Amino acid sequence: MSFPAITDLIPQRPPFLFVDKIVDRMDNKILTSLKLTGEEDFFKGHFPGNPIMPGVLLQEALFQSGAALMAGKEGGGLGVVTRVQNAKFKNMVRPGDELQMEVELTESISNAHYMKGTTKVNGKTVLVIEFAVASV
């Protein structure tokens, strides 16, 4: 099955695009990925000699995956993150890693959408999070 390009679904563009592939897209779940080259600017300063992907960018990658899930849905639109909770960082992400991300829509009430996300690298969980967005 072929999926649209991520740039056809969300407004973010490089250098602030943290999803490069849609692996699978179901009604209430999306699987995405991001292959890190090691040339990304954030690795240069976080941290020299021991580069790791900033946690806030790991979260952003899941938010963007959630936006791709919501694209075209009734009540969709530009999603603005309104709540982040239960974020657990379990491992570090380094240059050359490939993020495998899963975001599930758990509930929608009016223009509020509640999601949970997981990011893995080589089968190991690096981040689990719950978040909410408001469609504007």
C-alpha atoms as a PDB file:
ATOM      1  CA  MET A   1       0.000   0.000   0.000  1.00  0.00           C
ATOM      2  CA  SER A   2       1.221   3.479  -0.854  1.00  0.00           C
ATOM      3  CA  PHE A   3       0.853   6.399   1.544  1.00  0.00           C
ATOM      4  CA  PRO A   4       1.019  10.134   0.840  1.00  0.00           C
ATOM      5  CA  ALA A   5       4.230  11.987   1.568  1.00  0.00           C
ATOM      6  CA  ILE A   6       4.342  13.448   5.057  1.00  0.00           C
ATOM      7  CA  THR A   7       4.629  16.938   3.526  1.00  0.00           C
ATOM      8  CA  ASP A   8       1.238  16.391   1.857  1.00  0.00           C
ATOM      9  CA  LEU A   9      -0.337  15.984   5.298  1.00  0.00           C
ATOM     10  CA  ILE A  10       1.334  18.409   7.704  1.00  0.00           C
ATOM     11  CA  PRO A  11       2.679  21.980   7.390  1.00  0.00           C
ATOM     12  CA  GLN A  12       6.133  21.411   8.954  1.00  0.00           C
ATOM     13  CA  ARG A  13       9.137  21.542   6.650  1.00  0.00           C
ATOM     14  CA  PRO A  14      12.883  20.962   7.057  1.00  0.00           C
ATOM     15  CA  PRO A  15      14.734  21.723   9.156  1.00  0.00           C
ATOM     16  CA  PHE A  16      11.769  21.292  11.534  1.00  0.00           C
ATOM     17  CA  LEU A  17      10.357  18.107  10.018  1.00  0.00           C
ATOM     18  CA  PHE A  18      10.932  15.020  12.164  1.00  0.00           C
ATOM     19  CA  VAL A  19       9.027  12.371  10.195  1.00  0.00           C
ATOM     20  CA  ASP A  20      10.262  11.178   6.830  1.00  0.00           C
ATOM     21  CA  LYS A  21       8.061   8.163   6.137  1.00  0.00           C
ATOM     22  CA  ILE A  22       4.564   6.879   6.814  1.00  0.00           C
ATOM     23  CA  VAL A  23       4.854   3.122   7.337  1.00  0.00           C
ATOM     24  CA  ASP A  24       1.149   2.412   7.943  1.00  0.00           C
ATOM     25  CA  ARG A  25      -1.938   4.514   8.532  1.00  0.00           C
ATOM     26  CA  MET A  26      -5.124   3.099  10.016  1.00  0.00           C
ATOM     27  CA  ASP A  27      -8.285   4.773  11.244  1.00  0.00           C
ATOM     28  CA  ASN A  28      -7.004   5.574  14.743  1.00  0.00           C
ATOM     29  CA  LYS A  29      -3.306   4.703  14.526  1.00  0.00           C
ATOM     30  CA  ILE A  30      -0.293   5.687  12.458  1.00  0.00           C
ATOM     31  CA  LEU A  31       3.188   4.202  12.186  1.00  0.00           C
ATOM     32  CA  THR A  32       5.948   6.533  10.992  1.00  0.00           C
ATOM     33  CA  SER A  33       9.723   6.631  10.893  1.00  0.00           C
ATOM     34  CA  LEU A  34      12.656   9.015  10.809  1.00  0.00           C
ATOM     35  CA  LYS A  35      16.179   8.024   9.768  1.00  0.00           C
ATOM     36  CA  LEU A  36      18.795  10.210  11.429  1.00  0.00           C
ATOM     37  CA  THR A  37      21.904  10.842   9.354  1.00  0.00           C
ATOM     38  CA  GLY A  38      24.019  12.385  12.090  1.00  0.00           C
ATOM     39  CA  GLU A  39      24.282  15.599  10.068  1.00  0.00           C
ATOM     40  CA  GLU A  40      21.264  17.207  11.775  1.00  0.00           C
ATOM     41  CA  ASP A  41      22.190  20.568  13.339  1.00  0.00           C
ATOM     42  CA  PHE A  42      20.950  19.646  16.812  1.00  0.00           C
ATOM     43  CA  PHE A  43      23.607  16.909  17.098  1.00  0.00           C
ATOM     44  CA  LYS A  44      26.349  19.537  16.731  1.00  0.00           C
ATOM     45  CA  GLY A  45      25.458  21.209  20.009  1.00  0.00           C
ATOM     46  CA  HIS A  46      23.665  18.432  21.942  1.00  0.00           C
ATOM     47  CA  PHE A  47      26.266  17.302  22.952  1.00  0.00           C
ATOM     48  CA  PRO A  48      29.660  17.714  21.221  1.00  0.00           C
ATOM     49  CA  GLY A  49      31.572  14.459  21.494  1.00  0.00           C
ATOM     50  CA  ASN A  50      28.512  12.584  22.783  1.00  0.00           C
ATOM     51  CA  PRO A  51      25.596  13.554  20.494  1.00  0.00           C
ATOM     52  CA  ILE A  52      22.050  12.611  21.490  1.00  0.00           C
ATOM     53  CA  MET A  53      18.717  13.736  20.057  1.00  0.00           C
ATOM     54  CA  PRO A  54      17.000  16.233  22.391  1.00  0.00           C
ATOM     55  CA  GLY A  55      13.938  14.840  24.157  1.00  0.00           C
ATOM     56  CA  VAL A  56      11.806  17.773  23.083  1.00  0.00           C
ATOM     57  CA  LEU A  57      12.491  16.862  19.431  1.00  0.00           C
ATOM     58  CA  LEU A  58      11.590  13.229  20.102  1.00  0.00           C
ATOM     59  CA  GLN A  59       8.278  14.522  21.413  1.00  0.00           C
ATOM     60  CA  GLU A  60       7.858  16.792  18.387  1.00  0.00           C
ATOM     61  CA  ALA A  61       8.321  13.807  16.065  1.00  0.00           C
ATOM     62  CA  LEU A  62       5.381  12.100  17.789  1.00  0.00           C
ATOM     63  CA  PHE A  63       3.308  15.294  17.620  1.00  0.00           C
ATOM     64  CA  GLN A  64       3.974  15.484  13.876  1.00  0.00           C
ATOM     65  CA  SER A  65       3.028  11.821  13.503  1.00  0.00           C
ATOM     66  CA  GLY A  66      -0.219  12.587  15.337  1.00  0.00           C
ATOM     67  CA  ALA A  67      -0.872  15.499  12.983  1.00  0.00           C
ATOM     68  CA  ALA A  68      -0.434  13.168  10.013  1.00  0.00           C
ATOM     69  CA  LEU A  69      -2.920  10.752  11.585  1.00  0.00           C
ATOM     70  CA  MET A  70      -5.481  13.540  12.009  1.00  0.00           C
ATOM     71  CA  ALA A  71      -4.997  14.978   8.502  1.00  0.00           C
ATOM     72  CA  GLY A  72      -8.239  14.771   6.583  1.00  0.00           C
ATOM     73  CA  LYS A  73     -10.276  13.525   9.546  1.00  0.00           C
ATOM     74  CA  GLU A  74     -13.558  15.126  10.550  1.00  0.00           C
ATOM     75  CA  GLY A  75     -12.680  17.747  13.156  1.00  0.00           C
ATOM     76  CA  GLY A  76      -9.043  17.731  12.018  1.00  0.00           C
ATOM     77  CA  GLY A  77      -7.135  20.844  11.069  1.00  0.00           C
ATOM     78  CA  LEU A  78      -4.034  22.416  12.484  1.00  0.00           C
ATOM     79  CA  GLY A  79      -3.363  20.659  15.788  1.00  0.00           C
ATOM     80  CA  VAL A  80      -1.934  22.724  18.602  1.00  0.00           C
ATOM     81  CA  VAL A  81      -0.503  20.725  21.497  1.00  0.00           C
ATOM     82  CA  THR A  82      -2.406  21.591  24.667  1.00  0.00           C
ATOM     83  CA  ARG A  83      -1.180  18.961  27.100  1.00  0.00           C
ATOM     84  CA  VAL A  84       1.758  16.610  27.516  1.00  0.00           C
ATOM     85  CA  GLN A  85       1.765  14.086  30.313  1.00  0.00           C
ATOM     86  CA  ASN A  86       3.410  10.897  31.478  1.00  0.00           C
ATOM     87  CA  ALA A  87       6.433  11.367  29.218  1.00  0.00           C
ATOM     88  CA  LYS A  88       9.007   8.703  29.974  1.00  0.00           C
ATOM     89  CA  PHE A  89      12.407   8.758  28.317  1.00  0.00           C
ATOM     90  CA  LYS A  90      13.879   5.268  28.483  1.00  0.00           C
ATOM     91  CA  ASN A  91      16.894   5.330  26.117  1.00  0.00           C
ATOM     92  CA  MET A  92      18.987   7.784  24.134  1.00  0.00           C
ATOM     93  CA  VAL A  93      18.784   8.394  20.382  1.00  0.00           C
ATOM     94  CA  ARG A  94      22.078   8.792  18.553  1.00  0.00           C
ATOM     95  CA  PRO A  95      23.243   9.689  15.036  1.00  0.00           C
ATOM     96  CA  GLY A  96      22.422   6.938  12.555  1.00  0.00           C
ATOM     97  CA  ASP A  97      19.427   5.639  14.534  1.00  0.00           C
ATOM     98  CA  GLU A  98      16.046   5.162  12.919  1.00  0.00           C
ATOM     99  CA  LEU A  99      13.010   6.144  14.960  1.00  0.00           C
ATOM    100  CA  GLN A 100       9.981   3.879  14.647  1.00  0.00           C
ATOM    101  CA  MET A 101       6.985   5.810  15.937  1.00  0.00           C
ATOM    102  CA  GLU A 102       3.431   4.802  16.714  1.00  0.00           C
ATOM    103  CA  VAL A 103       0.674   7.250  17.622  1.00  0.00           C
ATOM    104  CA  GLU A 104      -2.826   6.177  18.562  1.00  0.00           C
ATOM    105  CA  LEU A 105      -5.868   8.424  18.816  1.00  0.00           C
ATOM    106  CA  THR A 106      -7.581   7.329  22.028  1.00  0.00           C
ATOM    107  CA  GLU A 107     -10.434   9.850  22.244  1.00  0.00           C
ATOM    108  CA  SER A 108     -11.873  12.932  20.545  1.00  0.00           C
ATOM    109  CA  ILE A 109     -14.206  15.364  22.252  1.00  0.00           C
ATOM    110  CA  SER A 110     -15.260  18.322  20.112  1.00  0.00           C
ATOM    111  CA  ASN A 111     -11.996  19.842  18.863  1.00  0.00           C
ATOM    112  CA  ALA A 112      -9.833  18.100  21.504  1.00  0.00           C
ATOM    113  CA  HIS A 113      -7.981  14.942  20.525  1.00  0.00           C
ATOM    114  CA  TYR A 114      -6.187  12.682  23.013  1.00  0.00           C
ATOM    115  CA  MET A 115      -3.304  10.521  21.854  1.00  0.00           C
ATOM    116  CA  LYS A 116      -0.620   8.233  23.117  1.00  0.00           C
ATOM    117  CA  GLY A 117       2.682   7.687  21.386  1.00  0.00           C
ATOM    118  CA  THR A 118       5.685   5.406  21.513  1.00  0.00           C
ATOM    119  CA  THR A 119       9.065   5.738  19.854  1.00  0.00           C
ATOM    120  CA  LYS A 120      11.421   2.794  19.455  1.00  0.00           C
ATOM    121  CA  VAL A 121      14.900   2.327  18.035  1.00  0.00           C
ATOM    122  CA  ASN A 122      15.918  -1.215  17.084  1.00  0.00           C
ATOM    123  CA  GLY A 123      12.933  -2.567  19.002  1.00  0.00           C
ATOM    124  CA  LYS A 124      13.874  -0.760  22.225  1.00  0.00           C
ATOM    125  CA  THR A 125      11.500   1.853  23.600  1.00  0.00           C
ATOM    126  CA  VAL A 126      13.038   5.311  23.868  1.00  0.00           C
ATOM    127  CA  LEU A 127       9.932   7.387  24.632  1.00  0.00           C
ATOM    128  CA  VAL A 128       6.330   6.865  25.709  1.00  0.00           C
ATOM    129  CA  ILE A 129       4.019   9.840  26.045  1.00  0.00           C
ATOM    130  CA  GLU A 130       0.401  10.920  26.261  1.00  0.00           C
ATOM    131  CA  PHE A 131      -0.618  14.213  24.698  1.00  0.00           C
ATOM    132  CA  ALA A 132      -3.631  16.240  23.672  1.00  0.00           C
ATOM    133  CA  VAL A 133      -4.104  18.593  20.756  1.00  0.00           C
ATOM    134  CA  ALA A 134      -6.794  21.106  19.888  1.00  0.00           C
ATOM    135  CA  SER A 135      -7.803  21.463  16.257  1.00  0.00           C
ATOM    136  CA  VAL A 136      -7.827  25.124  15.250  1.00  0.00           C
END
